[in-house]
Every structure is written in structure tokens, then in C-alpha cells.
Amino acid sequence: MAADETSIKVSTAARDRLAQLAAEHDTTIRSLVEDLAQSTPTQAEYAERAELARAELSSALGSAPSPEAEAKARALLERLGAGPSSPRTAA
């Protein structure tokens, strides 16, 4: 194992599912996990994006959306699958 590599422990069922997903996507488990880690925003990154969106809206509209409008928009995006429905916890 190279100096910049590590291993993770998952259940046999999770490993088997990852292997199936990797095979279906013509990739490896390693690539599948690395792609997930790189493409999934952290909570801090979501917060940063939200702040940038507020600033853009404020600039374009002359005022920021109300907390109620933000909550409605967030709920809609979550129903559409575009945002986190609940934070993931590390095991």
C-alpha cells in the first residue's frame, strides 16, 4: 500500500454491493468510493453555496429571500433529490 493510501472497513454486504455497483459502472470499488468522496459536498460546502446563492439573489433582486422562502425552496429541492435530506454520519 502506498504512503497516501488507507483502507476502510465495511460490512461484507456493503462490500458486495459496492462490487456490484462498480461492475455495473465498469469501474473499480476504489474509483467508485473516490468519486463519491470527491463529488459529494460536505455540509460546510453546502452552507458556502447557500451563502453565495443568497448574495446572488440579493444582488439580482435587491434583497435576500426571507427565511420562509428559503425553507420552501430547500424543501422543494430535497423532494426533487437535489439536496441533503439529512446529514450523513461517519462510522
Protein backbone atom coordinates (compact mmCIF):
# COMPACT_ATOMS: atom_id res chain seq x y z
CA MET A 1 0.00 0.00 0.00
CA ALA A 2 1.36 3.43 -0.98
CA ALA A 3 2.05 6.08 1.64
CA ASP A 4 -1.01 8.13 0.62
CA GLU A 5 -3.43 5.18 0.77
CA THR A 6 -5.53 3.75 3.55
CA SER A 7 -8.18 1.10 3.93
CA ILE A 8 -11.73 1.27 5.23
CA LYS A 9 -13.81 -1.44 6.85
CA VAL A 10 -17.35 -2.07 5.70
CA SER A 11 -19.71 -4.99 6.12
CA THR A 12 -19.49 -7.86 3.69
CA ALA A 13 -22.90 -6.86 2.35
CA ALA A 14 -21.70 -3.30 1.69
CA ARG A 15 -18.54 -4.57 0.01
CA ASP A 16 -20.57 -6.90 -2.21
CA ARG A 17 -22.94 -4.10 -3.16
CA LEU A 18 -20.03 -1.78 -3.95
CA ALA A 19 -18.51 -4.51 -6.11
CA GLN A 20 -21.80 -4.93 -7.99
CA LEU A 21 -22.17 -1.18 -8.48
CA ALA A 22 -18.58 -0.89 -9.65
CA ALA A 23 -19.04 -3.72 -12.14
CA GLU A 24 -22.24 -2.17 -13.49
CA HIS A 25 -20.41 1.13 -14.00
CA ASP A 26 -17.34 -0.57 -15.49
CA THR A 27 -15.08 0.75 -12.75
CA THR A 28 -13.49 -0.37 -9.50
CA ILE A 29 -14.69 -0.07 -5.92
CA ARG A 30 -11.77 2.27 -5.31
CA SER A 31 -12.84 4.60 -8.13
CA LEU A 32 -16.47 4.40 -7.07
CA VAL A 33 -15.64 5.43 -3.49
CA GLU A 34 -13.16 8.11 -4.57
CA ASP A 35 -15.71 9.60 -7.00
CA LEU A 36 -18.33 9.64 -4.23
CA ALA A 37 -15.94 11.36 -1.83
CA GLN A 38 -14.94 13.99 -4.40
CA SER A 39 -18.41 14.68 -5.82
CA THR A 40 -20.48 14.80 -2.62
CA PRO A 41 -20.42 18.23 -0.97
CA THR A 42 -19.78 18.50 2.75
CA GLN A 43 -22.19 20.40 4.99
CA ALA A 44 -19.72 23.30 5.01
CA GLU A 45 -19.65 23.32 1.20
CA TYR A 46 -23.48 23.30 1.10
CA ALA A 47 -23.51 26.24 3.51
CA GLU A 48 -20.97 28.11 1.37
CA ARG A 49 -23.06 27.51 -1.76
CA ALA A 50 -26.18 28.71 0.05
CA GLU A 51 -24.43 31.91 1.12
CA LEU A 52 -23.23 32.53 -2.45
CA ALA A 53 -26.77 31.94 -3.74
CA ARG A 54 -28.17 34.41 -1.16
CA ALA A 55 -25.64 37.02 -2.27
CA GLU A 56 -26.51 36.47 -5.95
CA LEU A 57 -30.24 36.71 -5.26
CA SER A 58 -29.75 39.81 -3.15
CA SER A 59 -27.70 41.40 -5.92
CA ALA A 60 -30.20 40.49 -8.64
CA LEU A 61 -33.40 41.20 -6.69
CA GLY A 62 -32.27 43.97 -4.39
CA SER A 63 -32.98 41.91 -1.25
CA ALA A 64 -32.30 38.45 0.08
CA PRO A 65 -35.08 35.87 0.24
CA SER A 66 -36.92 35.54 3.55
CA PRO A 67 -36.18 32.58 5.82
CA GLU A 68 -39.64 31.23 4.91
CA ALA A 69 -38.86 31.41 1.18
CA GLU A 70 -35.53 29.69 1.77
CA ALA A 71 -37.23 26.91 3.75
CA LYS A 72 -39.78 26.36 0.96
CA ALA A 73 -37.04 26.26 -1.67
CA ARG A 74 -34.95 23.86 0.43
CA ALA A 75 -37.94 21.55 0.94
CA LEU A 76 -38.67 21.55 -2.79
CA LEU A 77 -35.06 20.74 -3.67
CA GLU A 78 -34.97 17.91 -1.14
CA ARG A 79 -38.19 16.44 -2.58
CA LEU A 80 -36.57 16.62 -6.02
CA GLY A 81 -33.44 14.90 -4.69
CA ALA A 82 -31.15 17.87 -5.23
CA GLY A 83 -30.04 18.38 -1.65
CA PRO A 84 -29.25 16.53 1.53
CA SER A 85 -32.31 15.23 3.32
CA SER A 86 -30.26 14.52 6.41
CA PRO A 87 -26.58 14.79 7.22
CA ARG A 88 -24.63 11.57 6.90
CA THR A 89 -22.68 10.47 9.89
CA ALA A 90 -19.26 8.91 9.76
CA ALA A 91 -18.89 5.38 11.05
